[in-house]
Each structure stands twice: as C-alpha cells, then as structure tokens.
C-alpha cells in the first residue's frame, strides 16, 4: 500500500469485502458498493452491469449455490485503486467443486467501490496445453 489516505481507503475496502464474503454477509457485502457502481468485464463485455442492486442479486445467488464458499485475496492499493488477486472455492449444491481465480481492479471513493474491472474466471483443470490453446486462439486448429 502506498501510505496515502486514498490508498489506505482502497486497501481497507478490499479487506472489508473479503471479510464479508467469508462471513456470507450479504448486507455487509452489498454496502461495500456505491449505488451507481459500474462493473466492466473486459474479456466478456456483455457481462458488465451497473448498480448496487445487481451486486446484491449476484451475491445472493452465489451464496445460495455455494453454501461453503470461502475466499482468499491479496492486494496492492494506491490513489483510490486496489489491484486484487482472488481465489474463491467451495462445493456447489450439485456436489461439483467451485473454483474461481483471477484479478479484480477496484476503484474506491468515500469507502465504497465505485467501479471494477473484473477478470475472475472458473479454473479449468484440463484442456489443451499452451500450444493447442495458441493454435485454437489464432484459428489454426478446428475444434472437434
């Protein structure tokens, strides 16, 4: 953390958010976000959304679907921005494992998240290695 008030505020907000996730505190978690919060998901633009109400709806579904959800995060914060790396894990109600990892970049003002760029994805334990992935990404290989 950079030691500035804005950096300290951003870091404290991520710590509070992590705590509310691990306690499954829907009200506390929702209160971490500004009413006009803006979420961007650059790798999946159609998934972006606005508003605290949608945050609440999303997390209500997550807590219901993964009753033992827990999270770990680490972050660096300065000037009202926190770069955070997350891992969220648990077991879904259907018995399947739930594991997400990735980065979320939070913009913080007045002790609320005002915006985030979200790069959190389900972990794929199988699939092609790096060569196959590059070939598929470049359209050099047709998937079966």
N, C-alpha and C. Protein backbone atom coordinates (compact mmCIF):
# COMPACT_ATOMS: atom_id res chain seq x y z
N UNK A 1 0.86 -1.17 0.00
CA UNK A 1 0.00 0.00 0.00
C UNK A 1 0.90 1.23 0.00
N UNK A 2 0.46 2.33 -0.60
CA UNK A 2 1.32 3.48 -0.79
C UNK A 2 1.36 4.43 0.39
N UNK A 3 0.52 4.29 1.38
CA UNK A 3 0.54 5.17 2.52
C UNK A 3 -0.35 6.40 2.38
N UNK A 4 -0.87 6.69 1.20
CA UNK A 4 -1.78 7.82 1.05
C UNK A 4 -3.13 7.45 1.65
N UNK A 5 -3.90 8.49 1.97
CA UNK A 5 -5.23 8.23 2.52
C UNK A 5 -6.09 7.47 1.52
N UNK A 6 -6.02 7.83 0.24
CA UNK A 6 -6.82 7.14 -0.78
C UNK A 6 -6.38 5.70 -0.94
N UNK A 7 -5.07 5.46 -0.86
CA UNK A 7 -4.57 4.08 -0.94
C UNK A 7 -4.99 3.26 0.26
N UNK A 8 -4.92 3.86 1.44
CA UNK A 8 -5.34 3.16 2.66
C UNK A 8 -6.83 2.84 2.60
N UNK A 9 -7.62 3.77 2.10
CA UNK A 9 -9.07 3.56 2.00
C UNK A 9 -9.37 2.41 1.03
N UNK A 10 -8.68 2.37 -0.11
CA UNK A 10 -8.91 1.31 -1.09
C UNK A 10 -8.51 -0.05 -0.53
N UNK A 11 -7.37 -0.12 0.14
CA UNK A 11 -6.94 -1.38 0.75
C UNK A 11 -7.88 -1.85 1.83
N UNK A 12 -8.34 -0.92 2.67
CA UNK A 12 -9.29 -1.27 3.74
C UNK A 12 -10.61 -1.78 3.16
N UNK A 13 -11.02 -1.21 2.04
CA UNK A 13 -12.27 -1.65 1.41
C UNK A 13 -12.15 -3.08 0.91
N UNK A 14 -11.02 -3.44 0.30
CA UNK A 14 -10.84 -4.81 -0.18
C UNK A 14 -10.81 -5.77 1.01
N UNK A 15 -10.15 -5.39 2.09
CA UNK A 15 -10.13 -6.24 3.30
C UNK A 15 -11.54 -6.44 3.83
N UNK A 16 -12.34 -5.37 3.85
CA UNK A 16 -13.73 -5.47 4.32
C UNK A 16 -14.55 -6.36 3.39
N UNK A 17 -14.35 -6.21 2.10
CA UNK A 17 -15.06 -7.03 1.13
C UNK A 17 -14.72 -8.51 1.31
N UNK A 18 -13.45 -8.82 1.47
CA UNK A 18 -13.03 -10.21 1.70
C UNK A 18 -13.69 -10.76 2.97
N UNK A 19 -13.70 -9.98 4.02
CA UNK A 19 -14.32 -10.41 5.27
C UNK A 19 -15.80 -10.70 5.09
N UNK A 20 -16.52 -9.82 4.39
CA UNK A 20 -17.96 -10.04 4.21
C UNK A 20 -18.24 -11.27 3.34
N UNK A 21 -17.39 -11.51 2.34
CA UNK A 21 -17.56 -12.72 1.52
C UNK A 21 -17.40 -13.95 2.40
N UNK A 22 -16.35 -13.99 3.19
CA UNK A 22 -16.08 -15.18 4.01
C UNK A 22 -17.11 -15.39 5.12
N UNK A 23 -17.78 -14.33 5.54
CA UNK A 23 -18.85 -14.47 6.55
C UNK A 23 -20.22 -14.64 5.90
N UNK A 24 -20.27 -14.61 4.57
CA UNK A 24 -21.54 -14.70 3.82
C UNK A 24 -22.50 -13.61 4.28
N UNK A 25 -21.97 -12.43 4.52
CA UNK A 25 -22.74 -11.28 5.00
C UNK A 25 -23.23 -10.48 3.80
N UNK A 26 -24.39 -10.85 3.27
CA UNK A 26 -24.91 -10.23 2.07
C UNK A 26 -25.13 -8.73 2.24
N UNK A 27 -25.66 -8.33 3.37
CA UNK A 27 -25.92 -6.90 3.60
C UNK A 27 -24.61 -6.12 3.70
N UNK A 28 -23.64 -6.66 4.46
CA UNK A 28 -22.35 -6.01 4.58
C UNK A 28 -21.61 -5.93 3.26
N UNK A 29 -21.69 -6.99 2.49
CA UNK A 29 -21.04 -7.03 1.18
C UNK A 29 -21.67 -5.99 0.26
N UNK A 30 -22.98 -5.96 0.21
CA UNK A 30 -23.68 -5.01 -0.65
C UNK A 30 -23.32 -3.58 -0.28
N UNK A 31 -23.17 -3.32 1.00
CA UNK A 31 -22.84 -1.98 1.47
C UNK A 31 -21.44 -1.53 1.06
N UNK A 32 -20.61 -2.44 0.59
CA UNK A 32 -19.27 -2.08 0.11
C UNK A 32 -19.33 -1.36 -1.24
N UNK A 33 -20.46 -1.40 -1.92
CA UNK A 33 -20.57 -0.89 -3.28
C UNK A 33 -21.43 0.36 -3.34
N UNK A 34 -21.02 1.31 -4.18
CA UNK A 34 -21.79 2.53 -4.39
C UNK A 34 -23.10 2.20 -5.11
N UNK A 35 -24.11 3.02 -4.88
CA UNK A 35 -25.41 2.81 -5.53
C UNK A 35 -25.27 2.80 -7.05
N UNK A 36 -24.37 3.62 -7.59
CA UNK A 36 -24.19 3.69 -9.04
C UNK A 36 -22.93 2.94 -9.50
N UNK A 37 -22.55 1.92 -8.75
CA UNK A 37 -21.40 1.07 -9.08
C UNK A 37 -21.44 0.63 -10.54
N UNK A 38 -20.25 0.58 -11.16
CA UNK A 38 -20.13 0.14 -12.55
C UNK A 38 -19.14 -1.02 -12.62
N UNK A 39 -19.58 -2.15 -13.18
CA UNK A 39 -18.74 -3.33 -13.34
C UNK A 39 -18.44 -3.51 -14.82
N UNK A 40 -17.15 -3.65 -15.14
CA UNK A 40 -16.73 -3.96 -16.50
C UNK A 40 -16.06 -5.32 -16.48
N UNK A 41 -16.36 -6.14 -17.47
CA UNK A 41 -15.72 -7.44 -17.62
C UNK A 41 -15.11 -7.45 -19.02
N UNK A 42 -13.89 -6.90 -19.16
CA UNK A 42 -13.33 -6.69 -20.49
C UNK A 42 -13.24 -7.93 -21.38
N UNK A 43 -13.00 -9.10 -20.81
CA UNK A 43 -12.93 -10.32 -21.63
C UNK A 43 -14.31 -10.81 -22.04
N UNK A 44 -15.34 -10.32 -21.37
CA UNK A 44 -16.74 -10.72 -21.66
C UNK A 44 -17.61 -9.47 -21.54
N UNK A 45 -17.55 -8.55 -22.50
CA UNK A 45 -18.24 -7.25 -22.35
C UNK A 45 -19.73 -7.35 -22.05
N UNK A 46 -20.41 -8.36 -22.53
CA UNK A 46 -21.85 -8.48 -22.29
C UNK A 46 -22.16 -8.73 -20.82
N UNK A 47 -21.17 -9.11 -20.03
CA UNK A 47 -21.40 -9.39 -18.61
C UNK A 47 -21.31 -8.15 -17.73
N UNK A 48 -20.93 -7.02 -18.28
CA UNK A 48 -20.86 -5.79 -17.50
C UNK A 48 -22.24 -5.40 -16.99
N UNK A 49 -22.26 -4.63 -15.89
CA UNK A 49 -23.54 -4.19 -15.33
C UNK A 49 -23.32 -2.96 -14.48
N UNK A 50 -24.42 -2.36 -14.05
CA UNK A 50 -24.36 -1.20 -13.17
C UNK A 50 -25.30 -1.39 -12.00
N UNK A 51 -24.93 -0.82 -10.86
CA UNK A 51 -25.82 -0.72 -9.72
C UNK A 51 -25.58 -1.71 -8.59
N UNK A 52 -25.77 -1.21 -7.40
CA UNK A 52 -25.65 -2.00 -6.18
C UNK A 52 -26.68 -3.13 -6.13
N UNK A 53 -27.87 -2.88 -6.67
CA UNK A 53 -28.92 -3.92 -6.64
C UNK A 53 -28.47 -5.16 -7.40
N UNK A 54 -27.77 -4.98 -8.52
CA UNK A 54 -27.30 -6.15 -9.27
C UNK A 54 -26.19 -6.87 -8.51
N UNK A 55 -25.33 -6.12 -7.81
CA UNK A 55 -24.31 -6.74 -6.96
C UNK A 55 -24.99 -7.66 -5.94
N UNK A 56 -26.01 -7.13 -5.29
CA UNK A 56 -26.73 -7.91 -4.27
C UNK A 56 -27.35 -9.17 -4.89
N UNK A 57 -27.99 -9.01 -6.04
CA UNK A 57 -28.61 -10.15 -6.71
C UNK A 57 -27.56 -11.21 -7.07
N UNK A 58 -26.44 -10.78 -7.60
CA UNK A 58 -25.37 -11.72 -7.98
C UNK A 58 -24.89 -12.51 -6.77
N UNK A 59 -24.57 -11.81 -5.67
CA UNK A 59 -24.02 -12.48 -4.50
C UNK A 59 -25.06 -13.34 -3.77
N UNK A 60 -26.30 -12.94 -3.82
CA UNK A 60 -27.37 -13.76 -3.25
C UNK A 60 -27.38 -15.13 -3.93
N UNK A 61 -27.23 -15.12 -5.25
CA UNK A 61 -27.18 -16.38 -5.99
C UNK A 61 -25.92 -17.18 -5.66
N UNK A 62 -24.78 -16.51 -5.56
CA UNK A 62 -23.53 -17.20 -5.24
C UNK A 62 -23.62 -17.88 -3.88
N UNK A 63 -24.05 -17.15 -2.86
CA UNK A 63 -24.12 -17.73 -1.51
C UNK A 63 -25.12 -18.89 -1.46
N UNK A 64 -26.20 -18.81 -2.21
CA UNK A 64 -27.18 -19.90 -2.23
C UNK A 64 -26.64 -21.12 -2.96
N UNK A 65 -25.90 -20.91 -4.03
CA UNK A 65 -25.42 -22.03 -4.85
C UNK A 65 -24.17 -22.69 -4.30
N UNK A 66 -23.36 -21.93 -3.52
CA UNK A 66 -22.11 -22.46 -2.96
C UNK A 66 -22.11 -22.15 -1.46
N UNK A 67 -22.83 -22.96 -0.67
CA UNK A 67 -23.03 -22.63 0.74
C UNK A 67 -21.76 -22.61 1.58
N UNK A 68 -20.70 -23.28 1.12
CA UNK A 68 -19.44 -23.27 1.88
C UNK A 68 -18.38 -22.39 1.22
N UNK A 69 -18.79 -21.44 0.41
CA UNK A 69 -17.87 -20.56 -0.29
C UNK A 69 -16.89 -19.90 0.67
N UNK A 70 -15.62 -19.90 0.30
CA UNK A 70 -14.62 -19.13 1.03
C UNK A 70 -13.71 -18.47 0.01
N UNK A 71 -13.05 -17.41 0.42
CA UNK A 71 -12.21 -16.65 -0.49
C UNK A 71 -10.90 -16.27 0.17
N UNK A 72 -9.89 -16.13 -0.66
CA UNK A 72 -8.61 -15.55 -0.27
C UNK A 72 -8.32 -14.43 -1.26
N UNK A 73 -7.67 -13.40 -0.80
CA UNK A 73 -7.31 -12.30 -1.70
C UNK A 73 -6.05 -11.63 -1.18
N UNK A 74 -5.31 -11.09 -2.11
CA UNK A 74 -4.20 -10.21 -1.75
C UNK A 74 -4.29 -9.01 -2.67
N UNK A 75 -3.76 -7.90 -2.23
CA UNK A 75 -3.96 -6.67 -2.98
C UNK A 75 -2.85 -5.67 -2.73
N UNK A 76 -2.75 -4.76 -3.69
CA UNK A 76 -1.93 -3.56 -3.59
C UNK A 76 -2.85 -2.40 -3.89
N UNK A 77 -2.72 -1.32 -3.13
CA UNK A 77 -3.63 -0.20 -3.32
C UNK A 77 -2.87 1.11 -3.28
N UNK A 78 -3.29 2.04 -4.13
CA UNK A 78 -2.81 3.42 -4.06
C UNK A 78 -3.78 4.32 -4.81
N UNK A 79 -3.80 5.56 -4.42
CA UNK A 79 -4.59 6.58 -5.12
C UNK A 79 -6.03 6.16 -5.41
N UNK A 80 -6.68 5.42 -4.51
CA UNK A 80 -8.07 5.06 -4.69
C UNK A 80 -8.30 3.86 -5.60
N UNK A 81 -7.23 3.17 -5.97
CA UNK A 81 -7.34 1.97 -6.80
C UNK A 81 -6.70 0.81 -6.06
N UNK A 82 -7.37 -0.33 -6.06
CA UNK A 82 -6.82 -1.55 -5.46
C UNK A 82 -6.76 -2.63 -6.53
N UNK A 83 -5.58 -3.16 -6.78
CA UNK A 83 -5.38 -4.31 -7.65
C UNK A 83 -5.41 -5.52 -6.75
N UNK A 84 -6.34 -6.44 -7.02
CA UNK A 84 -6.51 -7.58 -6.12
C UNK A 84 -6.52 -8.88 -6.90
N UNK A 85 -5.93 -9.91 -6.30
CA UNK A 85 -5.94 -11.26 -6.86
C UNK A 85 -6.77 -12.13 -5.93
N UNK A 86 -7.74 -12.86 -6.48
CA UNK A 86 -8.71 -13.61 -5.70
C UNK A 86 -8.69 -15.09 -6.03
N UNK A 87 -9.03 -15.89 -5.03
CA UNK A 87 -9.39 -17.29 -5.22
C UNK A 87 -10.65 -17.52 -4.41
N UNK A 88 -11.67 -18.06 -5.07
CA UNK A 88 -12.93 -18.39 -4.39
C UNK A 88 -13.19 -19.87 -4.63
N UNK A 89 -13.49 -20.58 -3.53
CA UNK A 89 -13.66 -22.03 -3.65
C UNK A 89 -14.78 -22.51 -2.73
N UNK A 90 -15.28 -23.67 -3.08
CA UNK A 90 -16.33 -24.30 -2.28
C UNK A 90 -16.91 -25.46 -3.07
N UNK A 91 -18.05 -25.91 -2.62
CA UNK A 91 -18.75 -27.01 -3.29
C UNK A 91 -20.16 -26.53 -3.63
N UNK A 92 -20.51 -26.66 -4.90
CA UNK A 92 -21.85 -26.26 -5.33
C UNK A 92 -22.88 -27.22 -4.75
N UNK A 93 -24.12 -26.82 -4.74
CA UNK A 93 -25.21 -27.66 -4.22
C UNK A 93 -25.34 -28.97 -4.98
N UNK A 94 -24.89 -29.00 -6.24
CA UNK A 94 -24.96 -30.24 -7.02
C UNK A 94 -23.77 -31.16 -6.74
N UNK A 95 -22.92 -30.78 -5.78
CA UNK A 95 -21.78 -31.60 -5.39
C UNK A 95 -20.51 -31.34 -6.17
N UNK A 96 -20.58 -30.51 -7.19
CA UNK A 96 -19.39 -30.21 -8.00
C UNK A 96 -18.54 -29.14 -7.33
N UNK A 97 -17.22 -29.24 -7.51
CA UNK A 97 -16.35 -28.20 -6.94
C UNK A 97 -16.55 -26.86 -7.63
N UNK A 98 -16.38 -25.81 -6.88
CA UNK A 98 -16.46 -24.44 -7.38
C UNK A 98 -15.10 -23.81 -7.11
N UNK A 99 -14.42 -23.36 -8.16
CA UNK A 99 -13.11 -22.74 -8.01
C UNK A 99 -12.96 -21.64 -9.04
N UNK A 100 -12.82 -20.41 -8.56
CA UNK A 100 -12.58 -19.24 -9.41
C UNK A 100 -11.26 -18.62 -9.00
N UNK A 101 -10.51 -18.11 -9.98
CA UNK A 101 -9.29 -17.36 -9.70
C UNK A 101 -9.19 -16.21 -10.68
N UNK A 102 -8.56 -15.14 -10.25
CA UNK A 102 -8.34 -14.03 -11.16
C UNK A 102 -8.11 -12.73 -10.43
N UNK A 103 -8.20 -11.68 -11.20
CA UNK A 103 -7.88 -10.33 -10.73
C UNK A 103 -9.12 -9.45 -10.83
N UNK A 104 -9.29 -8.60 -9.83
CA UNK A 104 -10.30 -7.56 -9.87
C UNK A 104 -9.60 -6.25 -9.51
N UNK A 105 -9.81 -5.24 -10.34
CA UNK A 105 -9.24 -3.91 -10.10
C UNK A 105 -10.39 -3.01 -9.64
N UNK A 106 -10.31 -2.57 -8.39
CA UNK A 106 -11.37 -1.78 -7.78
C UNK A 106 -11.02 -0.30 -7.78
N UNK A 107 -11.99 0.54 -8.08
CA UNK A 107 -11.90 1.98 -7.89
C UNK A 107 -12.73 2.30 -6.65
N UNK A 108 -12.14 3.03 -5.70
CA UNK A 108 -12.78 3.27 -4.41
C UNK A 108 -12.85 4.77 -4.12
N UNK A 109 -14.00 5.24 -3.65
CA UNK A 109 -14.18 6.61 -3.19
C UNK A 109 -15.20 6.59 -2.07
N UNK A 110 -14.98 7.41 -1.07
CA UNK A 110 -15.91 7.52 0.07
C UNK A 110 -16.23 6.16 0.68
N UNK A 111 -15.20 5.31 0.80
CA UNK A 111 -15.31 3.98 1.41
C UNK A 111 -16.29 3.05 0.70
N UNK A 112 -16.48 3.25 -0.60
CA UNK A 112 -17.31 2.36 -1.41
C UNK A 112 -16.60 2.05 -2.73
N UNK A 113 -16.87 0.86 -3.25
CA UNK A 113 -16.38 0.53 -4.59
C UNK A 113 -17.28 1.27 -5.58
N UNK A 114 -16.67 2.10 -6.41
CA UNK A 114 -17.43 2.84 -7.41
C UNK A 114 -17.40 2.15 -8.78
N UNK A 115 -16.33 1.39 -9.03
CA UNK A 115 -16.19 0.69 -10.31
C UNK A 115 -15.20 -0.45 -10.13
N UNK A 116 -15.32 -1.44 -11.01
CA UNK A 116 -14.37 -2.55 -11.00
C UNK A 116 -14.20 -3.08 -12.42
N UNK A 117 -12.99 -3.54 -12.69
CA UNK A 117 -12.70 -4.30 -13.90
C UNK A 117 -12.43 -5.72 -13.42
N UNK A 118 -13.22 -6.64 -13.91
CA UNK A 118 -13.36 -7.99 -13.36
C UNK A 118 -12.74 -9.01 -14.32
N UNK A 119 -11.73 -9.74 -13.83
CA UNK A 119 -11.05 -10.77 -14.61
C UNK A 119 -11.03 -12.10 -13.85
N UNK A 120 -12.09 -12.42 -13.17
CA UNK A 120 -12.21 -13.63 -12.37
C UNK A 120 -12.92 -14.69 -13.20
N UNK A 121 -12.32 -15.89 -13.29
CA UNK A 121 -12.84 -16.94 -14.17
C UNK A 121 -12.83 -18.29 -13.46
N UNK A 122 -13.71 -19.21 -13.89
CA UNK A 122 -13.62 -20.59 -13.39
C UNK A 122 -12.28 -21.20 -13.80
N UNK A 123 -11.71 -22.00 -12.91
CA UNK A 123 -10.44 -22.67 -13.20
C UNK A 123 -10.72 -23.91 -14.03
N UNK A 124 -10.00 -24.06 -15.13
CA UNK A 124 -10.07 -25.25 -15.97
C UNK A 124 -8.89 -26.14 -15.61
N UNK A 125 -9.16 -27.34 -15.12
CA UNK A 125 -8.05 -28.21 -14.73
C UNK A 125 -7.57 -29.07 -15.89
N UNK A 126 -8.37 -29.19 -16.93
CA UNK A 126 -7.98 -29.98 -18.10
C UNK A 126 -7.91 -29.10 -19.32
N UNK A 127 -7.99 -29.72 -20.47
CA UNK A 127 -7.98 -28.97 -21.72
C UNK A 127 -6.61 -29.00 -22.39
N UNK A 128 -6.51 -28.29 -23.50
CA UNK A 128 -5.25 -28.31 -24.24
C UNK A 128 -4.15 -27.56 -23.49
N UNK A 129 -2.93 -27.89 -23.78
CA UNK A 129 -1.79 -27.16 -23.23
C UNK A 129 -1.62 -25.84 -23.97
N UNK A 130 -0.49 -25.20 -23.77
CA UNK A 130 -0.28 -23.88 -24.33
C UNK A 130 -0.27 -23.89 -25.86
N UNK A 131 0.38 -24.89 -26.47
CA UNK A 131 0.43 -24.92 -27.95
C UNK A 131 -0.97 -25.06 -28.54
N UNK A 132 -1.77 -25.96 -28.01
CA UNK A 132 -3.13 -26.12 -28.50
C UNK A 132 -3.98 -24.89 -28.28
N UNK A 133 -3.79 -24.23 -27.15
CA UNK A 133 -4.55 -23.03 -26.85
C UNK A 133 -4.19 -21.91 -27.82
N UNK A 134 -2.92 -21.73 -28.08
CA UNK A 134 -2.50 -20.68 -29.01
C UNK A 134 -3.04 -20.98 -30.41
N UNK A 135 -2.94 -22.22 -30.83
CA UNK A 135 -3.44 -22.58 -32.17
C UNK A 135 -4.94 -22.32 -32.26
N UNK A 136 -5.69 -22.71 -31.24
CA UNK A 136 -7.14 -22.50 -31.25
C UNK A 136 -7.46 -21.01 -31.23
N UNK A 137 -6.76 -20.24 -30.41
CA UNK A 137 -6.99 -18.81 -30.30
C UNK A 137 -6.74 -18.10 -31.63
N UNK A 138 -5.76 -18.58 -32.38
CA UNK A 138 -5.40 -17.97 -33.66
C UNK A 138 -6.18 -18.55 -34.84
N UNK A 139 -7.07 -19.49 -34.56
CA UNK A 139 -7.87 -20.10 -35.63
C UNK A 139 -7.10 -21.05 -36.50
N UNK A 140 -6.01 -21.59 -35.95
CA UNK A 140 -5.16 -22.51 -36.72
C UNK A 140 -5.57 -23.96 -36.56
N UNK A 141 -6.52 -24.19 -35.68
CA UNK A 141 -6.95 -25.57 -35.38
C UNK A 141 -8.47 -25.58 -35.23
N UNK A 142 -9.09 -26.50 -35.90
CA UNK A 142 -10.55 -26.62 -35.77
C UNK A 142 -10.84 -27.55 -34.61
N UNK A 143 -11.74 -27.11 -33.72
CA UNK A 143 -12.10 -27.95 -32.58
C UNK A 143 -12.97 -29.09 -33.04
N UNK A 144 -12.80 -30.28 -32.44
CA UNK A 144 -13.63 -31.44 -32.82
C UNK A 144 -15.08 -31.25 -32.45
